[in-house]
């Protein structure tokens, strides 16, 4: 597959014109085919023929995660189900999950997006990629696999395995590129230090971190201890996928794939578009997605847009993204969840009041997990404790299956919670 990157070199005027044409096409398709969008546009008196410039997008309503859950499962699809070739599900903000769909053209676009991002990290057909992600990002693993294969690189697909097995594959398969989350990368380097493993046995040269932001201190530690170049990609675990923005070799912000996404930075409280250079909430509108168009989707990620020219020569705008949130969602190893989701599950599975438990984000060997404390009292006898422990194990497995991250439930005396 030849990677056509003409767009990243076009003039600002040409870029704006292409974005406007694609925006108008997306809006018209959403109006015709998605009742949710049509209803809201009508209620606001929006005449799509009057969207004549990119700045007019500020007249359109925002989309939020709750809107996706409320239209579960297929009510936001803009194409018939017969045209959907992949269906992706992640936890939503309500008891219903977020469901997104992809046409064959959508998947082809994602392959191009991933290939572009990987090219920016100097990845070629000579590389061997190893993908190590948690179950909640399995869909991203497929996308990176397809993007790397487009470059004719060799790929070791994402398969859950122990850290010992990961290191064995890293060493024996001569992995040159590792794609993983910051938490998993830090867990790996801590294991290497603890066991005094000589990193010269590895041929790893490139580390691509996804799902979460990483601070400069941890990044330098990974670079020095593993002797690698570290790159960051930004994506959405709900929709539509990874590498919406990516680092180039200048490492001065993440380039947005502006031929596929139109970015805005807004005040999270008022929704007003902020002046250039200010931090606010990143809002994205899809420009080429056919199955599942997002119109002014509030990501909840705090960022600012960098418009100054980049030393790499790419004409794509960049974002400064550090992992801060503007909402109540929690990012655990790349998977975004709301505490309410866990509360509802605990309430249902263990028949407890929603406010009876307490939640803590903890780390074990650099891997984040959620610890839940639930109360017990002296009146509970040993046989009842055993039954409760059986229920707890079932609840932990259920939560892992449904939200994609580990949850540890602890029994605590009521007066200590």
Protein backbone atom coordinates (compact mmCIF):
# COMPACT_ATOMS: atom_id res chain seq x y z
CA UNK A 1 0.00 0.00 0.00
CA UNK A 2 1.43 3.38 -1.01
CA UNK A 3 1.01 6.04 1.64
CA UNK A 4 -0.18 9.27 0.04
CA UNK A 5 0.77 12.11 2.34
CA UNK A 6 0.16 15.03 -0.01
CA UNK A 7 -2.30 16.57 2.43
CA UNK A 8 0.31 17.29 5.10
CA UNK A 9 2.17 19.55 2.64
CA UNK A 10 -0.72 21.55 1.17
CA UNK A 11 -1.20 25.26 1.79
CA UNK A 12 -3.46 26.53 4.61
CA UNK A 13 -5.95 27.83 2.01
CA UNK A 14 -6.19 24.43 0.30
CA UNK A 15 -6.48 22.67 3.66
CA UNK A 16 -9.34 24.93 4.78
CA UNK A 17 -11.20 24.43 1.51
CA UNK A 18 -10.91 20.63 1.71
CA UNK A 19 -12.01 20.65 5.35
CA UNK A 20 -15.01 22.83 4.55
CA UNK A 21 -16.13 20.59 1.69
CA UNK A 22 -15.82 17.50 3.88
CA UNK A 23 -17.58 19.21 6.79
CA UNK A 24 -20.54 20.17 4.58
CA UNK A 25 -20.74 16.62 3.24
CA UNK A 26 -20.65 15.16 6.78
CA UNK A 27 -23.35 17.53 8.04
CA UNK A 28 -25.68 16.81 5.14
CA UNK A 29 -25.21 13.05 5.47
CA UNK A 30 -25.86 13.22 9.24
CA UNK A 31 -28.99 15.36 8.69
CA UNK A 32 -30.40 12.97 6.09
CA UNK A 33 -29.60 9.69 7.82
CA UNK A 34 -29.40 10.24 11.60
CA UNK A 35 -32.66 11.31 13.31
CA UNK A 36 -30.71 12.50 16.39
CA UNK A 37 -28.83 15.10 14.35
CA UNK A 38 -31.81 16.07 12.21
CA UNK A 39 -33.98 16.71 15.28
CA UNK A 40 -31.38 18.88 16.99
CA UNK A 41 -30.58 20.91 13.89
CA UNK A 42 -34.27 21.57 13.35
CA UNK A 43 -34.83 22.53 16.99
CA UNK A 44 -32.00 25.08 16.77
CA UNK A 45 -33.22 26.41 13.41
CA UNK A 46 -29.96 25.52 11.70
CA UNK A 47 -29.94 25.83 7.91
CA UNK A 48 -27.01 23.72 6.73
CA UNK A 49 -26.79 25.67 3.47
CA UNK A 50 -25.58 28.61 5.59
CA UNK A 51 -22.52 26.72 6.87
CA UNK A 52 -20.25 28.52 4.47
CA UNK A 53 -16.99 28.63 6.43
CA UNK A 54 -15.22 26.60 9.09
CA UNK A 55 -15.99 29.27 11.67
CA UNK A 56 -19.72 28.60 11.20
CA UNK A 57 -19.28 25.30 13.04
CA UNK A 58 -19.67 27.24 16.29
CA UNK A 59 -23.40 27.51 15.55
CA UNK A 60 -23.86 23.74 15.79
CA UNK A 61 -24.71 21.82 18.99
CA UNK A 62 -22.19 19.68 20.84
CA UNK A 63 -22.26 15.90 21.13
CA UNK A 64 -21.39 14.22 24.43
CA UNK A 65 -20.76 10.64 25.51
CA UNK A 66 -24.19 10.50 27.09
CA UNK A 67 -25.77 11.10 23.67
CA UNK A 68 -24.06 7.98 22.36
CA UNK A 69 -25.30 5.80 25.21
CA UNK A 70 -28.81 7.22 24.87
CA UNK A 71 -28.90 6.19 21.20
CA UNK A 72 -27.73 2.63 21.88
CA UNK A 73 -27.09 0.58 19.88
CA UNK A 74 -27.40 1.76 16.25
CA UNK A 75 -29.41 4.98 16.24
CA UNK A 76 -26.38 7.17 15.44
CA UNK A 77 -25.32 5.12 12.42
CA UNK A 78 -25.49 7.11 9.18
CA UNK A 79 -25.46 4.05 6.91
CA UNK A 80 -27.59 0.87 6.76
CA UNK A 81 -26.41 -2.07 8.88
CA UNK A 82 -25.62 -4.02 5.73
CA UNK A 83 -22.81 -1.50 5.06
CA UNK A 84 -21.25 -1.97 8.52
CA UNK A 85 -18.26 -4.33 8.52
CA UNK A 86 -17.07 -3.83 12.11
CA UNK A 87 -18.94 -3.09 15.34
CA UNK A 88 -17.00 -1.86 18.35
CA UNK A 89 -18.23 -1.67 21.96
CA UNK A 90 -16.74 0.04 25.02
CA UNK A 91 -18.25 1.04 28.39
CA UNK A 92 -20.52 4.09 28.17
CA UNK A 93 -21.37 6.69 30.79
CA UNK A 94 -24.67 4.95 31.57
CA UNK A 95 -25.53 1.27 32.04
CA UNK A 96 -25.57 0.98 28.25
CA UNK A 97 -22.27 0.71 26.37
CA UNK A 98 -20.98 2.91 23.59
CA UNK A 99 -21.41 1.20 20.22
CA UNK A 100 -19.70 2.45 17.09
CA UNK A 101 -19.62 1.05 13.57
CA UNK A 102 -17.27 1.17 10.61
CA UNK A 103 -17.77 0.77 6.88
CA UNK A 104 -15.09 -0.76 4.69
CA UNK A 105 -14.12 2.79 3.65
CA UNK A 106 -13.86 3.85 7.30
CA UNK A 107 -11.45 1.00 8.01
CA UNK A 108 -9.42 1.91 4.93
CA UNK A 109 -9.20 5.50 6.19
CA UNK A 110 -8.04 4.27 9.60
CA UNK A 111 -5.36 2.18 8.00
CA UNK A 112 -4.08 5.29 6.21
CA UNK A 113 -4.26 7.34 9.43
CA UNK A 114 -2.27 4.72 11.35
CA UNK A 115 0.25 4.31 8.55
CA UNK A 116 0.82 8.08 8.49
CA UNK A 117 1.36 8.19 12.26
CA UNK A 118 3.74 5.22 12.18
CA UNK A 119 5.70 6.75 9.30
CA UNK A 120 6.18 9.88 11.43
CA UNK A 121 7.93 7.63 13.98
CA UNK A 122 10.35 6.45 11.26
CA UNK A 123 8.81 2.99 11.05
CA UNK A 124 9.52 1.08 7.84
CA UNK A 125 9.10 -2.36 6.27
CA UNK A 126 12.26 -3.44 8.11
CA UNK A 127 10.66 -3.10 11.55
CA UNK A 128 9.05 -5.74 13.77
CA UNK A 129 6.18 -4.33 15.83
CA UNK A 130 4.92 -5.80 19.09
CA UNK A 131 1.50 -4.60 20.32
CA UNK A 132 0.82 -4.89 24.06
CA UNK A 133 -2.47 -3.38 25.27
CA UNK A 134 -5.11 -4.16 27.86
CA UNK A 135 -8.41 -5.79 26.76
CA UNK A 136 -10.21 -2.42 26.76
CA UNK A 137 -8.03 -1.26 23.85
CA UNK A 138 -8.20 -4.43 21.77
CA UNK A 139 -9.78 -2.52 18.89
CA UNK A 140 -6.79 -0.18 18.82
CA UNK A 141 -4.52 -3.20 18.58
CA UNK A 142 -6.27 -4.24 15.36
CA UNK A 143 -5.95 -0.71 13.96
CA UNK A 144 -2.21 -0.54 14.66
CA UNK A 145 -1.76 -3.99 13.17
CA UNK A 146 -3.45 -2.91 9.93
CA UNK A 147 -1.54 0.38 9.80
CA UNK A 148 1.81 -1.37 10.24
CA UNK A 149 0.93 -4.00 7.65
CA UNK A 150 0.20 -1.17 5.20
CA UNK A 151 3.88 -0.23 5.60
CA UNK A 152 4.79 -3.90 5.11
CA UNK A 153 6.29 -4.04 8.59
CA UNK A 154 6.17 -7.33 10.50
CA UNK A 155 3.58 -7.37 13.29
CA UNK A 156 3.23 -9.41 16.46
CA UNK A 157 -0.49 -8.85 17.09
CA UNK A 158 -1.92 -7.92 20.47
CA UNK A 159 -2.31 -10.99 22.69
CA UNK A 160 -2.71 -10.76 26.49
CA UNK A 161 0.33 -12.31 28.17
CA UNK A 162 2.36 -12.09 31.36
CA UNK A 163 5.20 -9.61 31.66
CA UNK A 164 7.70 -12.50 31.56
CA UNK A 165 6.23 -13.72 28.27
CA UNK A 166 6.18 -10.17 26.87
CA UNK A 167 9.89 -9.79 27.60
CA UNK A 168 10.61 -13.21 26.10
CA UNK A 169 8.85 -12.17 22.86
CA UNK A 170 10.58 -8.79 22.95
CA UNK A 171 13.97 -10.52 23.14
CA UNK A 172 13.53 -13.64 21.00
CA UNK A 173 11.43 -12.13 18.21
CA UNK A 174 13.83 -9.16 17.87
CA UNK A 175 11.09 -6.57 18.36
CA UNK A 176 12.19 -3.12 17.17
CA UNK A 177 8.94 -1.22 17.89
CA UNK A 178 6.75 -1.64 20.98
CA UNK A 179 3.25 -0.11 21.01
CA UNK A 180 1.79 0.03 24.50
CA UNK A 181 0.41 2.32 27.22
CA UNK A 182 2.61 4.40 29.54
CA UNK A 183 1.54 2.28 32.52
CA UNK A 184 2.55 -0.95 30.78
CA UNK A 185 5.86 0.55 29.64
CA UNK A 186 6.70 1.69 33.17
CA UNK A 187 5.74 -1.72 34.53
CA UNK A 188 8.11 -3.31 32.03
CA UNK A 189 11.06 -1.08 32.90
CA UNK A 190 10.52 -1.62 36.63
CA UNK A 191 10.57 -5.37 36.09
CA UNK A 192 13.77 -5.02 34.05
CA UNK A 193 15.43 -3.03 36.85
CA UNK A 194 14.21 -5.33 39.62
CA UNK A 195 15.53 -8.41 37.86
CA UNK A 196 18.71 -6.68 36.64
CA UNK A 197 18.05 -7.57 33.02
CA UNK A 198 20.62 -6.23 30.57
CA UNK A 199 18.67 -4.21 27.99
CA UNK A 200 21.43 -4.78 25.43
CA UNK A 201 19.77 -8.14 24.73
CA UNK A 202 16.86 -6.27 23.12
CA UNK A 203 16.78 -4.73 19.64
CA UNK A 204 14.04 -2.29 20.65
CA UNK A 205 14.56 1.21 19.26
CA UNK A 206 11.08 2.77 19.20
CA UNK A 207 8.42 2.99 21.91
CA UNK A 208 4.98 4.34 20.92
CA UNK A 209 2.79 5.24 23.89
CA UNK A 210 -0.98 5.40 23.52
CA UNK A 211 -4.09 5.72 25.67
CA UNK A 212 -2.60 8.05 28.30
CA UNK A 213 -0.25 11.01 28.43
CA UNK A 214 3.14 10.58 30.09
CA UNK A 215 5.06 13.14 32.10
CA UNK A 216 8.52 14.25 30.99
CA UNK A 217 10.32 12.58 33.90
CA UNK A 218 8.86 9.14 33.17
CA UNK A 219 9.49 9.60 29.44
CA UNK A 220 13.18 10.39 30.03
CA UNK A 221 13.43 7.35 32.31
CA UNK A 222 12.05 5.08 29.58
CA UNK A 223 14.33 6.60 26.95
CA UNK A 224 17.44 6.22 29.06
CA UNK A 225 16.80 2.80 30.60
CA UNK A 226 15.53 1.15 27.40
CA UNK A 227 17.70 3.20 25.02
CA UNK A 228 14.71 4.01 22.80
CA UNK A 229 12.98 6.95 21.18
CA UNK A 230 9.57 7.58 22.75
CA UNK A 231 6.60 8.84 20.72
CA UNK A 232 3.06 9.69 21.87
CA UNK A 233 -0.23 9.20 20.00
CA UNK A 234 -3.63 10.58 20.99
CA UNK A 235 -6.94 8.83 20.38
CA UNK A 236 -10.43 8.19 21.73
CA UNK A 237 -11.16 4.79 23.24
CA UNK A 238 -14.92 5.21 22.62
CA UNK A 239 -14.98 6.43 19.03
CA UNK A 240 -13.49 6.39 16.54
CA UNK A 241 -9.96 5.15 17.35
CA UNK A 242 -6.23 5.78 17.85
CA UNK A 243 -3.72 8.18 16.32
CA UNK A 244 -6.15 11.05 15.84
CA UNK A 245 -3.01 13.03 16.63
CA UNK A 246 0.62 11.89 16.59
CA UNK A 247 4.13 13.11 17.35
CA UNK A 248 6.71 13.81 14.68
CA UNK A 249 10.49 13.79 15.21
CA UNK A 250 10.37 17.41 16.43
CA UNK A 251 8.43 16.24 19.53
CA UNK A 252 6.76 19.64 19.90
CA UNK A 253 3.11 18.66 20.22
CA UNK A 254 0.94 16.13 18.40
CA UNK A 255 -0.11 16.67 14.77
CA UNK A 256 -3.86 16.32 14.21
CA UNK A 257 -5.00 14.41 11.12
CA UNK A 258 -6.91 17.46 9.92
CA UNK A 259 -8.03 15.86 6.67
CA UNK A 260 -10.11 13.51 8.85
CA UNK A 261 -10.86 15.61 11.97
CA UNK A 262 -11.72 19.24 12.58
CA UNK A 263 -10.49 20.33 16.04
CA UNK A 264 -11.75 23.11 18.30
CA UNK A 265 -10.79 24.24 21.80
CA UNK A 266 -13.73 25.43 23.89
CA UNK A 267 -14.40 26.62 27.41
CA UNK A 268 -15.78 23.44 29.08
CA UNK A 269 -18.19 25.51 31.21
CA UNK A 270 -19.64 27.84 28.57
CA UNK A 271 -18.90 26.03 25.30
CA UNK A 272 -17.45 29.25 23.85
CA UNK A 273 -14.56 28.81 21.44
CA UNK A 274 -11.37 29.97 23.18
CA UNK A 275 -8.73 32.26 21.67
CA UNK A 276 -5.79 30.64 19.99
CA UNK A 277 -3.16 29.29 22.38
CA UNK A 278 -5.44 28.80 25.41
CA UNK A 279 -6.02 25.49 27.15
CA UNK A 280 -9.60 24.22 27.10
CA UNK A 281 -11.64 21.17 26.12
CA UNK A 282 -10.76 19.50 22.85
CA UNK A 283 -13.81 19.15 20.57
CA UNK A 284 -13.62 17.02 17.42
CA UNK A 285 -15.76 16.73 14.30
CA UNK A 286 -15.18 13.82 11.94
CA UNK A 287 -14.75 14.79 8.28
CA UNK A 288 -14.47 11.44 6.51
CA UNK A 289 -16.22 8.93 8.82
CA UNK A 290 -19.21 7.48 7.00
CA UNK A 291 -20.76 5.06 9.50
CA UNK A 292 -20.57 7.06 12.71
CA UNK A 293 -20.16 10.82 12.20
CA UNK A 294 -19.29 12.87 15.28
CA UNK A 295 -20.31 16.52 15.19
CA UNK A 296 -18.60 18.74 17.75
CA UNK A 297 -17.90 15.80 20.06
CA UNK A 298 -16.71 16.95 23.50
CA UNK A 299 -13.77 14.68 24.27
CA UNK A 300 -13.30 15.79 27.89
CA UNK A 301 -9.56 16.06 27.19
CA UNK A 302 -7.81 19.29 28.08
CA UNK A 303 -5.55 20.62 25.34
CA UNK A 304 -4.52 23.65 23.35
CA UNK A 305 -3.91 24.02 19.63
CA UNK A 306 -0.44 24.95 18.39
CA UNK A 307 -0.64 26.70 15.03
CA UNK A 308 2.99 27.79 14.63
CA UNK A 309 4.85 25.97 11.83
CA UNK A 310 6.52 22.73 12.89
CA UNK A 311 10.20 22.06 12.20
CA UNK A 312 9.19 18.82 10.43
CA UNK A 313 7.45 20.78 7.67
CA UNK A 314 4.04 19.18 8.09
CA UNK A 315 1.17 21.63 7.61
CA UNK A 316 -1.02 19.90 10.20
CA UNK A 317 -1.94 21.82 13.34
CA UNK A 318 -0.73 20.34 16.62
CA UNK A 319 -2.19 19.93 20.08
CA UNK A 320 -0.47 20.22 23.43
CA UNK A 321 -2.08 17.36 25.38
CA UNK A 322 -0.93 16.42 28.89
CA UNK A 323 -3.65 14.01 30.02
CA UNK A 324 -5.74 16.40 32.13
CA UNK A 325 -9.53 16.03 32.01
CA UNK A 326 -12.36 18.57 32.01
CA UNK A 327 -14.94 16.01 33.19
CA UNK A 328 -15.34 13.29 35.83
CA UNK A 329 -14.11 10.39 33.72
CA UNK A 330 -11.06 8.48 34.94
CA UNK A 331 -8.40 7.22 32.55
CA UNK A 332 -7.10 3.81 33.63
CA UNK A 333 -4.40 2.53 31.29
CA UNK A 334 -6.12 4.12 28.30
CA UNK A 335 -9.69 3.11 29.16
CA UNK A 336 -12.00 5.92 30.27
CA UNK A 337 -14.64 5.05 32.83
CA UNK A 338 -16.98 6.84 35.21
CA UNK A 339 -17.19 5.86 38.87
CA UNK A 340 -20.99 5.74 38.44
CA UNK A 341 -20.52 2.74 36.14
CA UNK A 342 -18.77 0.80 38.89
CA UNK A 343 -21.23 1.97 41.55
CA UNK A 344 -24.17 0.70 39.50
CA UNK A 345 -22.47 -2.64 38.91
CA UNK A 346 -21.61 -3.07 42.61
CA UNK A 347 -25.16 -2.15 43.54
CA UNK A 348 -26.61 -4.72 41.14
CA UNK A 349 -24.14 -7.55 41.70
CA UNK A 350 -23.84 -7.31 45.50
CA UNK A 351 -27.20 -5.74 46.34
CA UNK A 352 -25.58 -2.79 48.09
CA UNK A 353 -26.68 0.86 48.25
CA UNK A 354 -24.83 2.93 45.67
CA UNK A 355 -23.25 5.13 48.36
CA UNK A 356 -22.09 2.27 50.59
CA UNK A 357 -18.73 1.69 48.88
CA UNK A 358 -15.59 3.77 48.45
CA UNK A 359 -13.30 3.80 45.42
CA UNK A 360 -9.55 4.25 45.14
CA UNK A 361 -7.23 4.31 42.14
CA UNK A 362 -4.14 2.30 43.04
CA UNK A 363 -1.00 0.98 41.38
CA UNK A 364 0.65 -2.41 41.53
CA UNK A 365 3.95 -2.64 39.66
CA UNK A 366 3.00 0.57 37.80
CA UNK A 367 -0.30 -0.95 36.59
CA UNK A 368 -3.35 1.02 37.67
CA UNK A 369 -6.43 -0.66 39.04
CA UNK A 370 -9.50 0.33 41.04
CA UNK A 371 -9.90 -0.84 44.61
CA UNK A 372 -13.43 -0.87 46.01
CA UNK A 373 -14.09 -1.02 49.75
CA UNK A 374 -17.45 -2.42 50.83
CA UNK A 375 -18.68 -2.54 54.44
CA UNK A 376 -19.27 -5.58 56.62
CA UNK A 377 -20.37 -5.69 60.23
CA UNK A 378 -19.84 -8.01 63.18
CA UNK A 379 -23.22 -9.65 62.69
CA UNK A 380 -22.07 -11.43 59.52
CA UNK A 381 -21.06 -15.02 60.30
CA UNK A 382 -18.24 -16.96 58.65
CA UNK A 383 -20.50 -18.90 56.29
CA UNK A 384 -22.06 -15.64 55.12
CA UNK A 385 -18.57 -14.20 54.57
CA UNK A 386 -17.76 -17.15 52.32
CA UNK A 387 -20.89 -16.56 50.28
CA UNK A 388 -20.04 -12.87 50.06
CA UNK A 389 -16.50 -13.65 48.94
CA UNK A 390 -17.89 -15.86 46.18
CA UNK A 391 -20.16 -13.02 45.07
CA UNK A 392 -17.20 -10.63 45.19
CA UNK A 393 -15.11 -12.85 42.92
CA UNK A 394 -18.01 -13.01 40.49
CA UNK A 395 -18.37 -9.20 40.65
CA UNK A 396 -14.64 -8.65 40.02
CA UNK A 397 -14.73 -10.90 36.94
CA UNK A 398 -17.92 -9.23 35.72
CA UNK A 399 -16.40 -5.74 36.06
CA UNK A 400 -13.21 -6.77 34.27
CA UNK A 401 -15.26 -8.22 31.42
CA UNK A 402 -17.50 -5.16 31.10
CA UNK A 403 -15.13 -2.23 31.65
CA UNK A 404 -11.85 -3.81 30.57
CA UNK A 405 -9.79 -2.92 33.65
CA UNK A 406 -9.03 -4.80 36.87
CA UNK A 407 -11.12 -4.09 39.96
CA UNK A 408 -10.26 -5.42 43.42
CA UNK A 409 -13.12 -5.52 45.97
CA UNK A 410 -12.14 -5.48 49.63
CA UNK A 411 -14.28 -6.23 52.68
CA UNK A 412 -13.80 -3.56 55.35
CA UNK A 413 -15.30 -2.90 58.74
CA UNK A 414 -18.07 -0.37 58.36
CA UNK A 415 -16.54 2.13 60.78
CA UNK A 416 -13.27 2.15 58.80
CA UNK A 417 -14.81 3.17 55.48
